[in-house]
Amino acid sequence: MPSLENRPIIEVAVADVDDAVAAQKCGADRLELNSAMPLGGLTPSIGLVREVLAAVQIPVVVMVRPRPGGFCYSPSQFKTALLDAETILAAGAAGIVWGALDPDRNVDQPRVAAMKALVAGKELVFHRAFDLAQDWSMALESLIDSGVDRVLSSGQQPAADSGVDCLKAMMQQARQRIEVIVGSGVRVATIPLFHAAGLCQFHGTFSQSGTDPGYDSAAFRFAVNDQQRCLDQAELRAARTLVDRLDG
């Protein structure tokens, strides 16, 4: 698959068909499809995968994360992840977004290698589990050695504007051997900071709170973060304009 590294890329994380269609319309270059985004993203249903792929023309990479929490998986959880990835790829996804660490917070290289073998010619993206690695430089070399195509990072900080120095160092170490895409807190206001650090791929939800008929007036919610969000189309259009201007 040809690299997109040499031109500015906006990747939008979405969790439903409506936002996927709107993101394409507003200038997204690529989508990352998830479920349960308030939990950091989990594997979406195969029905959702098929519906999104049928509705858009831009590349769609799909999260494979079998449960919330950390990234050290049991054998049965890893088997589930492989089966999900196989089904998602067969449906036509452009790639898989995956991450696994061992109990010492090193990259779980055997499991990354197994996922890479399954992906076979499509993209393998290592998600922000990378930001929990105990040694990001060693982790980056491990991903390069495993043939991972791209790593999503906030520079080992909760939000990427606090991790920009790490991100800059990552870009320097990567030397185009792996793509680096910045995520967590990517908005119009922060894109110039990341661009100045040498980044040209930007990942965000570009979301806002949405109305939720019936649920908004209910006596309680099932979880504190059980709130509907939707794409902020004006924000994404502004990000598209800004990224293109910065690149020019």
C-alpha atoms as a PDB file:
ATOM      1  CA  MET A   1       0.000   0.000   0.000  1.00  0.00           C
ATOM      2  CA  PRO A   2       1.508   3.385  -0.930  1.00  0.00           C
ATOM      3  CA  SER A   3       2.597   5.630   1.921  1.00  0.00           C
ATOM      4  CA  LEU A   4       0.705   8.822   2.652  1.00  0.00           C
ATOM      5  CA  GLU A   5       3.626  10.211   4.676  1.00  0.00           C
ATOM      6  CA  ASN A   6       4.645  12.916   2.209  1.00  0.00           C
ATOM      7  CA  ARG A   7       1.361  14.811   2.177  1.00  0.00           C
ATOM      8  CA  PRO A   8      -0.788  16.146   5.008  1.00  0.00           C
ATOM      9  CA  ILE A   9      -3.324  13.628   6.265  1.00  0.00           C
ATOM     10  CA  ILE A  10      -6.349  14.099   8.463  1.00  0.00           C
ATOM     11  CA  GLU A  11      -7.621  10.874   9.966  1.00  0.00           C
ATOM     12  CA  VAL A  12     -10.953  11.039  11.790  1.00  0.00           C
ATOM     13  CA  ALA A  13     -11.974   8.539  14.457  1.00  0.00           C
ATOM     14  CA  VAL A  14     -15.648   7.647  14.038  1.00  0.00           C
ATOM     15  CA  ALA A  15     -18.076   5.187  15.590  1.00  0.00           C
ATOM     16  CA  ASP A  16     -21.088   5.276  13.282  1.00  0.00           C
ATOM     17  CA  VAL A  17     -22.084   5.555   9.647  1.00  0.00           C
ATOM     18  CA  ASP A  18     -23.438   9.105   9.868  1.00  0.00           C
ATOM     19  CA  ASP A  19     -20.161  10.499  11.207  1.00  0.00           C
ATOM     20  CA  ALA A  20     -18.173   8.471   8.665  1.00  0.00           C
ATOM     21  CA  VAL A  21     -20.117   9.986   5.774  1.00  0.00           C
ATOM     22  CA  ALA A  22     -19.902  13.487   7.247  1.00  0.00           C
ATOM     23  CA  ALA A  23     -16.157  13.171   7.857  1.00  0.00           C
ATOM     24  CA  GLN A  24     -15.542  12.218   4.243  1.00  0.00           C
ATOM     25  CA  LYS A  25     -17.668  15.149   3.092  1.00  0.00           C
ATOM     26  CA  CYS A  26     -15.743  17.576   5.319  1.00  0.00           C
ATOM     27  CA  GLY A  27     -12.316  16.601   4.044  1.00  0.00           C
ATOM     28  CA  ALA A  28     -11.059  13.576   5.978  1.00  0.00           C
ATOM     29  CA  ASP A  29      -8.426  11.554   4.141  1.00  0.00           C
ATOM     30  CA  ARG A  30      -8.872   8.391   6.179  1.00  0.00           C
ATOM     31  CA  LEU A  31     -11.163   7.033   8.899  1.00  0.00           C
ATOM     32  CA  GLU A  32     -10.435   4.993  11.993  1.00  0.00           C
ATOM     33  CA  LEU A  33     -13.558   3.028  12.884  1.00  0.00           C
ATOM     34  CA  ASN A  34     -14.220   2.135  16.521  1.00  0.00           C
ATOM     35  CA  SER A  35     -16.904   1.399  19.014  1.00  0.00           C
ATOM     36  CA  ALA A  36     -16.964   2.711  22.602  1.00  0.00           C
ATOM     37  CA  MET A  37     -14.776   5.732  21.942  1.00  0.00           C
ATOM     38  CA  PRO A  38     -15.185   7.116  25.501  1.00  0.00           C
ATOM     39  CA  LEU A  39     -13.215   4.008  26.548  1.00  0.00           C
ATOM     40  CA  GLY A  40     -10.476   4.759  24.040  1.00  0.00           C
ATOM     41  CA  GLY A  41     -12.021   2.646  21.278  1.00  0.00           C
ATOM     42  CA  LEU A  42     -12.978  -1.027  21.060  1.00  0.00           C
ATOM     43  CA  THR A  43     -13.575  -3.423  18.173  1.00  0.00           C
ATOM     44  CA  PRO A  44     -16.713  -2.391  16.262  1.00  0.00           C
ATOM     45  CA  SER A  45     -19.337  -4.874  15.135  1.00  0.00           C
ATOM     46  CA  ILE A  46     -18.881  -6.437  11.725  1.00  0.00           C
ATOM     47  CA  GLY A  47     -22.251  -4.969  10.736  1.00  0.00           C
ATOM     48  CA  LEU A  48     -20.948  -1.469  11.412  1.00  0.00           C
ATOM     49  CA  VAL A  49     -17.733  -2.221   9.535  1.00  0.00           C
ATOM     50  CA  ARG A  50     -19.633  -3.359   6.455  1.00  0.00           C
ATOM     51  CA  GLU A  51     -22.034  -0.414   6.532  1.00  0.00           C
ATOM     52  CA  VAL A  52     -19.254   2.168   6.821  1.00  0.00           C
ATOM     53  CA  LEU A  53     -17.198   0.554   4.067  1.00  0.00           C
ATOM     54  CA  ALA A  54     -20.253   0.615   1.807  1.00  0.00           C
ATOM     55  CA  ALA A  55     -20.942   4.274   2.586  1.00  0.00           C
ATOM     56  CA  VAL A  56     -17.534   5.908   2.026  1.00  0.00           C
ATOM     57  CA  GLN A  57     -14.789   5.862  -0.579  1.00  0.00           C
ATOM     58  CA  ILE A  58     -11.805   6.918   1.549  1.00  0.00           C
ATOM     59  CA  PRO A  59      -9.638   4.320   3.341  1.00  0.00           C
ATOM     60  CA  VAL A  60     -10.982   2.910   6.597  1.00  0.00           C
ATOM     61  CA  VAL A  61      -8.720   1.321   9.198  1.00  0.00           C
ATOM     62  CA  VAL A  62     -10.503  -0.530  11.991  1.00  0.00           C
ATOM     63  CA  MET A  63      -9.724  -0.799  15.681  1.00  0.00           C
ATOM     64  CA  VAL A  64      -9.186  -4.293  17.048  1.00  0.00           C
ATOM     65  CA  ARG A  65      -9.248  -4.104  20.831  1.00  0.00           C
ATOM     66  CA  PRO A  66     -11.147  -6.951  22.469  1.00  0.00           C
ATOM     67  CA  ARG A  67     -11.811  -5.312  25.847  1.00  0.00           C
ATOM     68  CA  PRO A  68     -11.312  -2.045  27.750  1.00  0.00           C
ATOM     69  CA  GLY A  69      -8.408  -1.568  30.131  1.00  0.00           C
ATOM     70  CA  GLY A  70      -4.748  -2.265  29.464  1.00  0.00           C
ATOM     71  CA  PHE A  71      -3.038  -3.967  26.562  1.00  0.00           C
ATOM     72  CA  CYS A  72      -1.643  -7.192  28.024  1.00  0.00           C
ATOM     73  CA  TYR A  73      -3.981  -9.852  26.641  1.00  0.00           C
ATOM     74  CA  SER A  74      -4.731 -13.435  27.639  1.00  0.00           C
ATOM     75  CA  PRO A  75      -4.457 -16.187  25.000  1.00  0.00           C
ATOM     76  CA  SER A  76      -8.235 -16.254  24.526  1.00  0.00           C
ATOM     77  CA  GLN A  77      -8.426 -12.466  24.186  1.00  0.00           C
ATOM     78  CA  PHE A  78      -5.650 -12.514  21.597  1.00  0.00           C
ATOM     79  CA  LYS A  79      -7.395 -15.314  19.674  1.00  0.00           C
ATOM     80  CA  THR A  80     -10.545 -13.185  19.650  1.00  0.00           C
ATOM     81  CA  ALA A  81      -8.553 -10.224  18.300  1.00  0.00           C
ATOM     82  CA  LEU A  82      -7.104 -12.312  15.477  1.00  0.00           C
ATOM     83  CA  LEU A  83     -10.529 -13.675  14.515  1.00  0.00           C
ATOM     84  CA  ASP A  84     -12.017 -10.173  14.544  1.00  0.00           C
ATOM     85  CA  ALA A  85      -9.153  -8.817  12.440  1.00  0.00           C
ATOM     86  CA  GLU A  86      -9.534 -11.622   9.896  1.00  0.00           C
ATOM     87  CA  THR A  87     -13.253 -10.904   9.507  1.00  0.00           C
ATOM     88  CA  ILE A  88     -12.727  -7.143   9.280  1.00  0.00           C
ATOM     89  CA  LEU A  89     -10.048  -7.475   6.611  1.00  0.00           C
ATOM     90  CA  ALA A  90     -12.219  -9.859   4.608  1.00  0.00           C
ATOM     91  CA  ALA A  91     -14.933  -7.186   4.644  1.00  0.00           C
ATOM     92  CA  GLY A  92     -12.566  -4.809   2.843  1.00  0.00           C
ATOM     93  CA  ALA A  93     -10.961  -2.626   5.523  1.00  0.00           C
ATOM     94  CA  ALA A  94      -7.720  -0.892   4.541  1.00  0.00           C
ATOM     95  CA  GLY A  95      -5.995  -2.028   7.707  1.00  0.00           C
ATOM     96  CA  ILE A  96      -6.086  -2.926  11.360  1.00  0.00           C
ATOM     97  CA  VAL A  97      -5.370  -0.696  14.353  1.00  0.00           C
ATOM     98  CA  TRP A  98      -3.884  -2.829  17.113  1.00  0.00           C
ATOM     99  CA  GLY A  99      -1.617  -2.636  20.136  1.00  0.00           C
ATOM    100  CA  ALA A 100      -0.250  -5.116  22.652  1.00  0.00           C
ATOM    101  CA  LEU A 101       2.228  -4.775  25.502  1.00  0.00           C
ATOM    102  CA  ASP A 102       3.770  -7.334  27.842  1.00  0.00           C
ATOM    103  CA  PRO A 103       3.524  -7.057  31.659  1.00  0.00           C
ATOM    104  CA  ASP A 104       6.724  -4.970  31.708  1.00  0.00           C
ATOM    105  CA  ARG A 105       5.168  -2.504  29.244  1.00  0.00           C
ATOM    106  CA  ASN A 106       7.390  -3.505  26.350  1.00  0.00           C
ATOM    107  CA  VAL A 107       5.890  -4.077  22.902  1.00  0.00           C
ATOM    108  CA  ASP A 108       4.534  -7.635  22.744  1.00  0.00           C
ATOM    109  CA  GLN A 109       6.535  -8.377  19.633  1.00  0.00           C
ATOM    110  CA  PRO A 110       5.320 -11.955  18.982  1.00  0.00           C
ATOM    111  CA  ARG A 111       1.697 -10.822  18.996  1.00  0.00           C
ATOM    112  CA  VAL A 112       2.431  -7.785  16.863  1.00  0.00           C
ATOM    113  CA  ALA A 113       4.245 -10.055  14.414  1.00  0.00           C
ATOM    114  CA  ALA A 114       1.265 -12.433  14.336  1.00  0.00           C
ATOM    115  CA  MET A 115      -1.095  -9.571  13.571  1.00  0.00           C
ATOM    116  CA  LYS A 116       1.268  -8.277  10.889  1.00  0.00           C
ATOM    117  CA  ALA A 117       1.285 -11.704   9.223  1.00  0.00           C
ATOM    118  CA  LEU A 118      -2.517 -11.744   9.246  1.00  0.00           C
ATOM    119  CA  VAL A 119      -2.768  -8.232   7.762  1.00  0.00           C
ATOM    120  CA  ALA A 120      -0.593  -9.335   4.817  1.00  0.00           C
ATOM    121  CA  GLY A 121      -0.355  -6.415   2.407  1.00  0.00           C
ATOM    122  CA  LYS A 122      -2.756  -4.069   4.177  1.00  0.00           C
ATOM    123  CA  GLU A 123      -1.871  -1.545   6.859  1.00  0.00           C
ATOM    124  CA  LEU A 124      -1.022  -2.368  10.458  1.00  0.00           C
ATOM    125  CA  VAL A 125      -1.238   0.571  12.846  1.00  0.00           C
ATOM    126  CA  PHE A 126      -0.023   0.418  16.459  1.00  0.00           C
ATOM    127  CA  HIS A 127      -2.341   2.573  18.564  1.00  0.00           C
ATOM    128  CA  ARG A 128      -1.720   4.647  21.689  1.00  0.00           C
ATOM    129  CA  ALA A 129      -0.742   1.625  23.750  1.00  0.00           C
ATOM    130  CA  PHE A 130       2.608   2.929  22.514  1.00  0.00           C
ATOM    131  CA  ASP A 131       2.262   5.851  24.929  1.00  0.00           C
ATOM    132  CA  LEU A 132       2.338   3.453  27.877  1.00  0.00           C
ATOM    133  CA  ALA A 133       5.551   1.710  26.769  1.00  0.00           C
ATOM    134  CA  GLN A 134       8.281   2.045  29.363  1.00  0.00           C
ATOM    135  CA  ASP A 135      10.887   3.046  26.753  1.00  0.00           C
ATOM    136  CA  TRP A 136       9.377   4.723  23.702  1.00  0.00           C
ATOM    137  CA  SER A 137      12.620   4.674  21.703  1.00  0.00           C
ATOM    138  CA  MET A 138      13.035   0.930  22.153  1.00  0.00           C
ATOM    139  CA  ALA A 139       9.326   0.441  21.439  1.00  0.00           C
ATOM    140  CA  LEU A 140       9.594   2.397  18.204  1.00  0.00           C
ATOM    141  CA  GLU A 141      12.488   0.231  16.983  1.00  0.00           C
ATOM    142  CA  SER A 142      10.512  -2.874  17.907  1.00  0.00           C
ATOM    143  CA  LEU A 143       7.571  -1.712  15.775  1.00  0.00           C
ATOM    144  CA  ILE A 144       9.878  -0.914  12.866  1.00  0.00           C
ATOM    145  CA  ASP A 145      11.479  -4.361  13.144  1.00  0.00           C
ATOM    146  CA  SER A 146       7.996  -5.948  13.110  1.00  0.00           C
ATOM    147  CA  GLY A 147       7.014  -4.125   9.914  1.00  0.00           C
ATOM    148  CA  VAL A 148       4.314  -1.946  11.476  1.00  0.00           C
ATOM    149  CA  ASP A 149       3.250   0.734   9.015  1.00  0.00           C
ATOM    150  CA  ARG A 150       2.211   3.506  11.376  1.00  0.00           C
ATOM    151  CA  VAL A 151       2.172   4.414  15.073  1.00  0.00           C
ATOM    152  CA  LEU A 152      -0.416   6.664  16.732  1.00  0.00           C
ATOM    153  CA  SER A 153       1.004   8.638  19.636  1.00  0.00           C
ATOM    154  CA  SER A 154       0.451  11.582  21.939  1.00  0.00           C
ATOM    155  CA  GLY A 155       4.125  11.647  22.878  1.00  0.00           C
ATOM    156  CA  GLN A 156       3.588   9.524  26.007  1.00  0.00           C
ATOM    157  CA  GLN A 157       1.352  12.149  27.572  1.00  0.00           C
ATOM    158  CA  PRO A 158      -2.433  12.200  28.116  1.00  0.00           C
ATOM    159  CA  ALA A 159      -2.715  14.967  25.506  1.00  0.00           C
ATOM    160  CA  ALA A 160      -0.354  15.489  22.612  1.00  0.00           C
ATOM    161  CA  ASP A 161       0.269  19.191  23.200  1.00  0.00           C
ATOM    162  CA  SER A 162       2.144  18.146  26.368  1.00  0.00           C
ATOM    163  CA  GLY A 163       4.074  15.448  24.479  1.00  0.00           C
ATOM    164  CA  VAL A 164       5.225  17.491  21.509  1.00  0.00           C
ATOM    165  CA  ASP A 165       8.934  17.242  22.403  1.00  0.00           C
ATOM    166  CA  CYS A 166       8.675  13.450  22.482  1.00  0.00           C
ATOM    167  CA  LEU A 167       6.776  13.460  19.196  1.00  0.00           C
ATOM    168  CA  LYS A 168       9.471  15.570  17.586  1.00  0.00           C
ATOM    169  CA  ALA A 169      12.128  13.124  18.803  1.00  0.00           C
ATOM    170  CA  MET A 170      10.044  10.223  17.482  1.00  0.00           C
ATOM    171  CA  MET A 171       9.946  11.804  14.035  1.00  0.00           C
ATOM    172  CA  GLN A 172      13.698  12.246  14.086  1.00  0.00           C
ATOM    173  CA  GLN A 173      14.293   8.645  15.130  1.00  0.00           C
ATOM    174  CA  ALA A 174      11.748   7.209  12.687  1.00  0.00           C
ATOM    175  CA  ARG A 175      13.538   8.670   9.649  1.00  0.00           C
ATOM    176  CA  GLN A 176      10.584   7.639   7.449  1.00  0.00           C
ATOM    177  CA  ARG A 177      10.997   3.974   8.414  1.00  0.00           C
ATOM    178  CA  ILE A 178       7.544   4.144  10.018  1.00  0.00           C
ATOM    179  CA  GLU A 179       4.760   6.713   9.793  1.00  0.00           C
ATOM    180  CA  VAL A 180       3.981   8.719  12.917  1.00  0.00           C
ATOM    181  CA  ILE A 181       0.483  10.124  13.401  1.00  0.00           C
ATOM    182  CA  VAL A 182      -0.361  12.429  16.290  1.00  0.00           C
ATOM    183  CA  GLY A 183      -3.524  11.876  18.294  1.00  0.00           C
ATOM    184  CA  SER A 184      -5.235  13.027  21.511  1.00  0.00           C
ATOM    185  CA  GLY A 185      -6.189  16.672  21.583  1.00  0.00           C
ATOM    186  CA  VAL A 186      -5.827  17.331  17.863  1.00  0.00           C
ATOM    187  CA  ARG A 187      -7.994  20.343  17.043  1.00  0.00           C
ATOM    188  CA  VAL A 188      -7.650  23.425  14.870  1.00  0.00           C
ATOM    189  CA  ALA A 189      -5.964  25.267  17.755  1.00  0.00           C
ATOM    190  CA  THR A 190      -3.247  22.628  18.259  1.00  0.00           C
ATOM    191  CA  ILE A 191      -2.458  21.569  14.688  1.00  0.00           C
ATOM    192  CA  PRO A 192       0.134  24.353  14.118  1.00  0.00           C
ATOM    193  CA  LEU A 193       2.080  23.150  17.182  1.00  0.00           C
ATOM    194  CA  PHE A 194       2.243  19.605  15.838  1.00  0.00           C
ATOM    195  CA  HIS A 195       3.041  20.759  12.315  1.00  0.00           C
ATOM    196  CA  ALA A 196       5.966  22.805  13.647  1.00  0.00           C
ATOM    197  CA  ALA A 197       7.331  19.627  15.253  1.00  0.00           C
ATOM    198  CA  GLY A 198       7.482  17.969  11.815  1.00  0.00           C
ATOM    199  CA  LEU A 199       4.244  15.986  11.955  1.00  0.00           C
ATOM    200  CA  CYS A 200       2.011  15.814   8.895  1.00  0.00           C
ATOM    201  CA  GLN A 201      -0.559  13.204   9.937  1.00  0.00           C
ATOM    202  CA  PHE A 202      -3.280  14.296  12.346  1.00  0.00           C
ATOM    203  CA  HIS A 203      -5.774  12.009  14.102  1.00  0.00           C
ATOM    204  CA  GLY A 204      -8.797  13.307  15.972  1.00  0.00           C
ATOM    205  CA  THR A 205     -12.466  12.821  16.695  1.00  0.00           C
ATOM    206  CA  PHE A 206     -13.262  16.491  15.940  1.00  0.00           C
ATOM    207  CA  SER A 207     -16.381  15.833  17.982  1.00  0.00           C
ATOM    208  CA  GLN A 208     -18.916  17.737  20.016  1.00  0.00           C
ATOM    209  CA  SER A 209     -21.727  16.787  22.386  1.00  0.00           C
ATOM    210  CA  GLY A 210     -24.871  15.712  20.588  1.00  0.00           C
ATOM    211  CA  THR A 211     -28.504  15.726  21.590  1.00  0.00           C
ATOM    212  CA  ASP A 212     -29.870  12.356  22.654  1.00  0.00           C
ATOM    213  CA  PRO A 213     -33.704  12.393  22.529  1.00  0.00           C
ATOM    214  CA  GLY A 214     -35.279  10.686  25.500  1.00  0.00           C
ATOM    215  CA  TYR A 215     -31.996   9.843  27.191  1.00  0.00           C
ATOM    216  CA  ASP A 216     -31.131  13.478  27.917  1.00  0.00           C
ATOM    217  CA  SER A 217     -34.279  13.806  30.048  1.00  0.00           C
ATOM    218  CA  ALA A 218     -34.015  10.381  31.711  1.00  0.00           C
ATOM    219  CA  ALA A 219     -33.610  10.030  35.476  1.00  0.00           C
ATOM    220  CA  PHE A 220     -30.116   8.557  35.204  1.00  0.00           C
ATOM    221  CA  ARG A 221     -27.456   7.335  32.780  1.00  0.00           C
ATOM    222  CA  PHE A 222     -25.946   3.877  32.705  1.00  0.00           C
ATOM    223  CA  ALA A 223     -22.406   5.281  33.035  1.00  0.00           C
ATOM    224  CA  VAL A 224     -20.837   8.662  33.742  1.00  0.00           C
ATOM    225  CA  ASN A 225     -19.465   8.964  30.207  1.00  0.00           C
ATOM    226  CA  ASP A 226     -22.501   7.421  28.493  1.00  0.00           C
ATOM    227  CA  GLN A 227     -23.150  10.441  26.314  1.00  0.00           C
ATOM    228  CA  GLN A 228     -23.692  10.740  22.602  1.00  0.00           C
ATOM    229  CA  ARG A 229     -21.166  12.751  20.645  1.00  0.00           C
ATOM    230  CA  CYS A 230     -21.139  13.608  16.955  1.00  0.00           C
ATOM    231  CA  LEU A 231     -18.766  15.068  14.433  1.00  0.00           C
ATOM    232  CA  ASP A 232     -18.236  18.825  14.625  1.00  0.00           C
ATOM    233  CA  GLN A 233     -18.326  19.433  10.887  1.00  0.00           C
ATOM    234  CA  ALA A 234     -17.287  23.086  11.111  1.00  0.00           C
ATOM    235  CA  GLU A 235     -14.228  22.149  13.174  1.00  0.00           C
ATOM    236  CA  LEU A 236     -13.184  19.451  10.708  1.00  0.00           C
ATOM    237  CA  ARG A 237     -13.626  21.765   7.707  1.00  0.00           C
ATOM    238  CA  ALA A 238     -11.507  24.396   9.466  1.00  0.00           C
ATOM    239  CA  ALA A 239      -8.850  21.771  10.222  1.00  0.00           C
ATOM    240  CA  ARG A 240      -8.809  20.717   6.567  1.00  0.00           C
ATOM    241  CA  THR A 241      -8.321  24.315   5.427  1.00  0.00           C
ATOM    242  CA  LEU A 242      -5.588  24.913   7.996  1.00  0.00           C
ATOM    243  CA  VAL A 243      -3.646  21.743   7.218  1.00  0.00           C
ATOM    244  CA  ASP A 244      -3.685  22.479   3.497  1.00  0.00           C
ATOM    245  CA  ARG A 245      -2.535  26.037   4.108  1.00  0.00           C
ATOM    246  CA  LEU A 246       0.290  24.969   6.399  1.00  0.00           C
ATOM    247  CA  ASP A 247       1.449  22.417   3.848  1.00  0.00           C
ATOM    248  CA  GLY A 248       1.453  25.053   1.108  1.00  0.00           C
END
